Amino acid sequence: MTTNGGWWLALAIVTAGLAETKGRRRWVWFVLGLILGPIATALVVIWDRPAVSQAPSAP
């Protein structure tokens, strides 16, 4: 049987994977997942992808 810590670690890994698919930094969200647990997962799911800044094209 998996302990609560095992589930928390698994959730942090899932959070990191979701964050990467949304264009966010995997390790930052992994750590946030370890600290915040399901709250971090919910934030990754709810928040939109970050806007991609485009450099102005040269004339």
PDB file of N, CA and C in Angstrom:
ATOM      1  N   MET A   1       0.837  -1.184   0.000  1.00  0.00           N
ATOM      2  CA  MET A   1       0.000   0.000   0.000  1.00  0.00           C
ATOM      3  C   MET A   1       0.878   1.242   0.000  1.00  0.00           C
ATOM      4  N   THR A   2       0.501   2.210  -0.821  1.00  0.00           N
ATOM      5  CA  THR A   2       1.283   3.443  -0.922  1.00  0.00           C
ATOM      6  C   THR A   2       0.908   4.386   0.212  1.00  0.00           C
ATOM      7  N   THR A   3       1.915   4.994   0.800  1.00  0.00           N
ATOM      8  CA  THR A   3       1.666   5.943   1.879  1.00  0.00           C
ATOM      9  C   THR A   3       1.199   7.271   1.295  1.00  0.00           C
ATOM     10  N   ASN A   4       0.749   8.149   2.157  1.00  0.00           N
ATOM     11  CA  ASN A   4       0.315   9.469   1.701  1.00  0.00           C
ATOM     12  C   ASN A   4       1.457  10.228   1.035  1.00  0.00           C
ATOM     13  N   GLY A   5       2.651  10.034   1.520  1.00  0.00           N
ATOM     14  CA  GLY A   5       3.809  10.680   0.904  1.00  0.00           C
ATOM     15  C   GLY A   5       4.046  10.201  -0.516  1.00  0.00           C
ATOM     16  N   GLY A   6       3.766   8.932  -0.757  1.00  0.00           N
ATOM     17  CA  GLY A   6       3.904   8.388  -2.105  1.00  0.00           C
ATOM     18  C   GLY A   6       2.906   9.005  -3.064  1.00  0.00           C
ATOM     19  N   TRP A   7       1.673   9.169  -2.599  1.00  0.00           N
ATOM     20  CA  TRP A   7       0.659   9.820  -3.440  1.00  0.00           C
ATOM     21  C   TRP A   7       1.016  11.277  -3.694  1.00  0.00           C
ATOM     22  N   TRP A   8       1.549  11.940  -2.679  1.00  0.00           N
ATOM     23  CA  TRP A   8       1.924  13.352  -2.815  1.00  0.00           C
ATOM     24  C   TRP A   8       3.049  13.493  -3.846  1.00  0.00           C
ATOM     25  N   LEU A   9       4.021  12.591  -3.808  1.00  0.00           N
ATOM     26  CA  LEU A   9       5.117  12.605  -4.778  1.00  0.00           C
ATOM     27  C   LEU A   9       4.593  12.327  -6.183  1.00  0.00           C
ATOM     28  N   ALA A  10       3.688  11.357  -6.308  1.00  0.00           N
ATOM     29  CA  ALA A  10       3.104  11.047  -7.622  1.00  0.00           C
ATOM     30  C   ALA A  10       2.335  12.246  -8.168  1.00  0.00           C
ATOM     31  N   LEU A  11       1.618  12.935  -7.308  1.00  0.00           N
ATOM     32  CA  LEU A  11       0.875  14.120  -7.734  1.00  0.00           C
ATOM     33  C   LEU A  11       1.826  15.230  -8.179  1.00  0.00           C
ATOM     34  N   ALA A  12       2.959  15.379  -7.503  1.00  0.00           N
ATOM     35  CA  ALA A  12       3.950  16.380  -7.899  1.00  0.00           C
ATOM     36  C   ALA A  12       4.527  16.053  -9.277  1.00  0.00           C
ATOM     37  N   ILE A  13       4.731  14.785  -9.568  1.00  0.00           N
ATOM     38  CA  ILE A  13       5.243  14.377 -10.879  1.00  0.00           C
ATOM     39  C   ILE A  13       4.205  14.655 -11.967  1.00  0.00           C
ATOM     40  N   VAL A  14       2.951  14.348 -11.672  1.00  0.00           N
ATOM     41  CA  VAL A  14       1.875  14.640 -12.632  1.00  0.00           C
ATOM     42  C   VAL A  14       1.768  16.140 -12.867  1.00  0.00           C
ATOM     43  N   THR A  15       1.871  16.924 -11.812  1.00  0.00           N
ATOM     44  CA  THR A  15       1.815  18.381 -11.930  1.00  0.00           C
ATOM     45  C   THR A  15       2.939  18.890 -12.820  1.00  0.00           C
ATOM     46  N   ALA A  16       4.129  18.352 -12.652  1.00  0.00           N
ATOM     47  CA  ALA A  16       5.264  18.763 -13.483  1.00  0.00           C
ATOM     48  C   ALA A  16       5.017  18.424 -14.948  1.00  0.00           C
ATOM     49  N   GLY A  17       4.478  17.262 -15.208  1.00  0.00           N
ATOM     50  CA  GLY A  17       4.174  16.873 -16.586  1.00  0.00           C
ATOM     51  C   GLY A  17       3.120  17.767 -17.216  1.00  0.00           C
ATOM     52  N   LEU A  18       2.064  18.076 -16.464  1.00  0.00           N
ATOM     53  CA  LEU A  18       1.032  18.984 -16.969  1.00  0.00           C
ATOM     54  C   LEU A  18       1.602  20.365 -17.239  1.00  0.00           C
ATOM     55  N   ALA A  19       2.460  20.830 -16.343  1.00  0.00           N
ATOM     56  CA  ALA A  19       3.057  22.152 -16.513  1.00  0.00           C
ATOM     57  C   ALA A  19       3.894  22.213 -17.784  1.00  0.00           C
ATOM     58  N   GLU A  20       4.632  21.153 -18.063  1.00  0.00           N
ATOM     59  CA  GLU A  20       5.472  21.141 -19.262  1.00  0.00           C
ATOM     60  C   GLU A  20       4.612  21.181 -20.531  1.00  0.00           C
ATOM     61  N   THR A  21       3.481  20.507 -20.533  1.00  0.00           N
ATOM     62  CA  THR A  21       2.616  20.536 -21.711  1.00  0.00           C
ATOM     63  C   THR A  21       1.990  21.905 -21.920  1.00  0.00           C
ATOM     64  N   LYS A  22       1.945  22.712 -20.856  1.00  0.00           N
ATOM     65  CA  LYS A  22       1.396  24.059 -20.970  1.00  0.00           C
ATOM     66  C   LYS A  22       2.484  25.114 -21.147  1.00  0.00           C
ATOM     67  N   GLY A  23       3.706  24.682 -21.396  1.00  0.00           N
ATOM     68  CA  GLY A  23       4.792  25.631 -21.654  1.00  0.00           C
ATOM     69  C   GLY A  23       5.374  26.264 -20.411  1.00  0.00           C
ATOM     70  N   ARG A  24       5.244  25.603 -19.295  1.00  0.00           N
ATOM     71  CA  ARG A  24       5.815  26.126 -18.045  1.00  0.00           C
ATOM     72  C   ARG A  24       7.002  25.271 -17.632  1.00  0.00           C
ATOM     73  N   ARG A  25       7.770  25.769 -16.676  1.00  0.00           N
ATOM     74  CA  ARG A  25       8.984  25.068 -16.258  1.00  0.00           C
ATOM     75  C   ARG A  25       8.664  23.875 -15.366  1.00  0.00           C
ATOM     76  N   ARG A  26       9.132  22.728 -15.813  1.00  0.00           N
ATOM     77  CA  ARG A  26       8.821  21.457 -15.143  1.00  0.00           C
ATOM     78  C   ARG A  26       9.302  21.433 -13.702  1.00  0.00           C
ATOM     79  N   TRP A  27      10.545  21.807 -13.418  1.00  0.00           N
ATOM     80  CA  TRP A  27      11.110  21.679 -12.071  1.00  0.00           C
ATOM     81  C   TRP A  27      10.462  22.630 -11.084  1.00  0.00           C
ATOM     82  N   VAL A  28      10.128  23.821 -11.545  1.00  0.00           N
ATOM     83  CA  VAL A  28       9.463  24.778 -10.654  1.00  0.00           C
ATOM     84  C   VAL A  28       8.124  24.214 -10.197  1.00  0.00           C
ATOM     85  N   TRP A  29       7.367  23.656 -11.147  1.00  0.00           N
ATOM     86  CA  TRP A  29       6.056  23.120 -10.810  1.00  0.00           C
ATOM     87  C   TRP A  29       6.155  21.805 -10.052  1.00  0.00           C
ATOM     88  N   PHE A  30       7.231  21.066 -10.238  1.00  0.00           N
ATOM     89  CA  PHE A  30       7.437  19.871  -9.434  1.00  0.00           C
ATOM     90  C   PHE A  30       7.598  20.250  -7.966  1.00  0.00           C
ATOM     91  N   VAL A  31       8.415  21.262  -7.709  1.00  0.00           N
ATOM     92  CA  VAL A  31       8.624  21.722  -6.335  1.00  0.00           C
ATOM     93  C   VAL A  31       7.330  22.295  -5.763  1.00  0.00           C
ATOM     94  N   LEU A  32       6.618  23.084  -6.574  1.00  0.00           N
ATOM     95  CA  LEU A  32       5.337  23.607  -6.103  1.00  0.00           C
ATOM     96  C   LEU A  32       4.355  22.474  -5.813  1.00  0.00           C
ATOM     97  N   GLY A  33       4.397  21.426  -6.625  1.00  0.00           N
ATOM     98  CA  GLY A  33       3.556  20.269  -6.382  1.00  0.00           C
ATOM     99  C   GLY A  33       3.904  19.572  -5.083  1.00  0.00           C
ATOM    100  N   LEU A  34       5.185  19.516  -4.756  1.00  0.00           N
ATOM    101  CA  LEU A  34       5.596  18.920  -3.483  1.00  0.00           C
ATOM    102  C   LEU A  34       5.113  19.751  -2.302  1.00  0.00           C
ATOM    103  N   ILE A  35       5.132  21.071  -2.475  1.00  0.00           N
ATOM    104  CA  ILE A  35       4.754  21.957  -1.376  1.00  0.00           C
ATOM    105  C   ILE A  35       3.233  22.107  -1.269  1.00  0.00           C
ATOM    106  N   LEU A  36       2.578  22.361  -2.400  1.00  0.00           N
ATOM    107  CA  LEU A  36       1.155  22.682  -2.385  1.00  0.00           C
ATOM    108  C   LEU A  36       0.236  21.504  -2.706  1.00  0.00           C
ATOM    109  N   GLY A  37       0.791  20.468  -3.313  1.00  0.00           N
ATOM    110  CA  GLY A  37       0.001  19.278  -3.630  1.00  0.00           C
ATOM    111  C   GLY A  37      -1.097  19.548  -4.649  1.00  0.00           C
ATOM    112  N   PRO A  38      -2.327  19.203  -4.314  1.00  0.00           N
ATOM    113  CA  PRO A  38      -3.430  19.325  -5.265  1.00  0.00           C
ATOM    114  C   PRO A  38      -3.726  20.767  -5.675  1.00  0.00           C
ATOM    115  N   ILE A  39      -3.354  21.716  -4.844  1.00  0.00           N
ATOM    116  CA  ILE A  39      -3.572  23.126  -5.200  1.00  0.00           C
ATOM    117  C   ILE A  39      -2.713  23.488  -6.405  1.00  0.00           C
ATOM    118  N   ALA A  40      -1.457  23.051  -6.426  1.00  0.00           N
ATOM    119  CA  ALA A  40      -0.574  23.324  -7.564  1.00  0.00           C
ATOM    120  C   ALA A  40      -1.101  22.649  -8.827  1.00  0.00           C
ATOM    121  N   THR A  41      -1.610  21.443  -8.699  1.00  0.00           N
ATOM    122  CA  THR A  41      -2.175  20.746  -9.855  1.00  0.00           C
ATOM    123  C   THR A  41      -3.367  21.509 -10.403  1.00  0.00           C
ATOM    124  N   ALA A  42      -4.229  21.974  -9.530  1.00  0.00           N
ATOM    125  CA  ALA A  42      -5.398  22.745  -9.961  1.00  0.00           C
ATOM    126  C   ALA A  42      -4.978  24.038 -10.653  1.00  0.00           C
ATOM    127  N   LEU A  43      -3.950  24.697 -10.136  1.00  0.00           N
ATOM    128  CA  LEU A  43      -3.486  25.943 -10.758  1.00  0.00           C
ATOM    129  C   LEU A  43      -2.955  25.694 -12.167  1.00  0.00           C
ATOM    130  N   VAL A  44      -2.211  24.623 -12.346  1.00  0.00           N
ATOM    131  CA  VAL A  44      -1.683  24.307 -13.676  1.00  0.00           C
ATOM    132  C   VAL A  44      -2.824  24.042 -14.646  1.00  0.00           C
ATOM    133  N   VAL A  45      -3.835  23.343 -14.190  1.00  0.00           N
ATOM    134  CA  VAL A  45      -4.959  23.009 -15.061  1.00  0.00           C
ATOM    135  C   VAL A  45      -5.781  24.249 -15.394  1.00  0.00           C
ATOM    136  N   ILE A  46      -6.004  25.111 -14.426  1.00  0.00           N
ATOM    137  CA  ILE A  46      -6.871  26.276 -14.611  1.00  0.00           C
ATOM    138  C   ILE A  46      -6.194  27.387 -15.415  1.00  0.00           C
ATOM    139  N   TRP A  47      -4.949  27.690 -15.105  1.00  0.00           N
ATOM    140  CA  TRP A  47      -4.277  28.806 -15.770  1.00  0.00           C
ATOM    141  C   TRP A  47      -4.027  28.508 -17.238  1.00  0.00           C
ATOM    142  N   ASP A  48      -4.192  29.538 -18.072  1.00  0.00           N
ATOM    143  CA  ASP A  48      -3.908  29.424 -19.498  1.00  0.00           C
ATOM    144  C   ASP A  48      -2.407  29.358 -19.731  1.00  0.00           C
ATOM    145  N   ARG A  49      -2.070  28.984 -20.954  1.00  0.00           N
ATOM    146  CA  ARG A  49      -0.652  28.987 -21.336  1.00  0.00           C
ATOM    147  C   ARG A  49      -0.118  30.409 -21.276  1.00  0.00           C
ATOM    148  N   PRO A  50       1.160  30.588 -20.917  1.00  0.00           N
ATOM    149  CA  PRO A  50       1.724  31.938 -20.920  1.00  0.00           C
ATOM    150  C   PRO A  50       1.815  32.462 -22.350  1.00  0.00           C
ATOM    151  N   ALA A  51       1.628  33.750 -22.496  1.00  0.00           N
ATOM    152  CA  ALA A  51       1.706  34.368 -23.815  1.00  0.00           C
ATOM    153  C   ALA A  51       3.144  34.311 -24.328  1.00  0.00           C
ATOM    154  N   VAL A  52       3.294  33.988 -25.593  1.00  0.00           N
ATOM    155  CA  VAL A  52       4.613  33.916 -26.199  1.00  0.00           C
ATOM    156  C   VAL A  52       4.953  35.312 -26.716  1.00  0.00           C
ATOM    157  N   SER A  53       6.031  35.867 -26.186  1.00  0.00           N
ATOM    158  CA  SER A  53       6.435  37.200 -26.643  1.00  0.00           C
ATOM    159  C   SER A  53       7.231  37.048 -27.933  1.00  0.00           C
ATOM    160  N   GLN A  54       6.875  37.854 -28.899  1.00  0.00           N
ATOM    161  CA  GLN A  54       7.572  37.817 -30.174  1.00  0.00           C
ATOM    162  C   GLN A  54       8.442  39.043 -30.304  1.00  0.00           C
ATOM    163  N   ALA A  55       9.651  38.830 -30.750  1.00  0.00           N
ATOM    164  CA  ALA A  55      10.559  39.951 -30.967  1.00  0.00           C
ATOM    165  C   ALA A  55      10.075  40.751 -32.173  1.00  0.00           C
ATOM    166  N   PRO A  56      10.188  42.063 -32.096  1.00  0.00           N
ATOM    167  CA  PRO A  56       9.771  42.859 -33.241  1.00  0.00           C
ATOM    168  C   PRO A  56      10.638  42.544 -34.458  1.00  0.00           C
ATOM    169  N   SER A  57       9.997  42.413 -35.596  1.00  0.00           N
ATOM    170  CA  SER A  57      10.758  42.076 -36.802  1.00  0.00           C
ATOM    171  C   SER A  57      11.467  43.313 -37.324  1.00  0.00           C
ATOM    172  N   ALA A  58      12.652  43.081 -37.847  1.00  0.00           N
ATOM    173  CA  ALA A  58      13.478  44.181 -38.367  1.00  0.00           C
ATOM    174  C   ALA A  58      12.914  44.640 -39.716  1.00  0.00           C
ATOM    175  N   PRO A  59      12.863  45.955 -39.933  1.00  0.00           N
ATOM    176  CA  PRO A  59      12.342  46.455 -41.230  1.00  0.00           C
ATOM    177  C   PRO A  59      13.283  46.224 -42.375  1.00  0.00           C
TER     178      PRO A  59
END
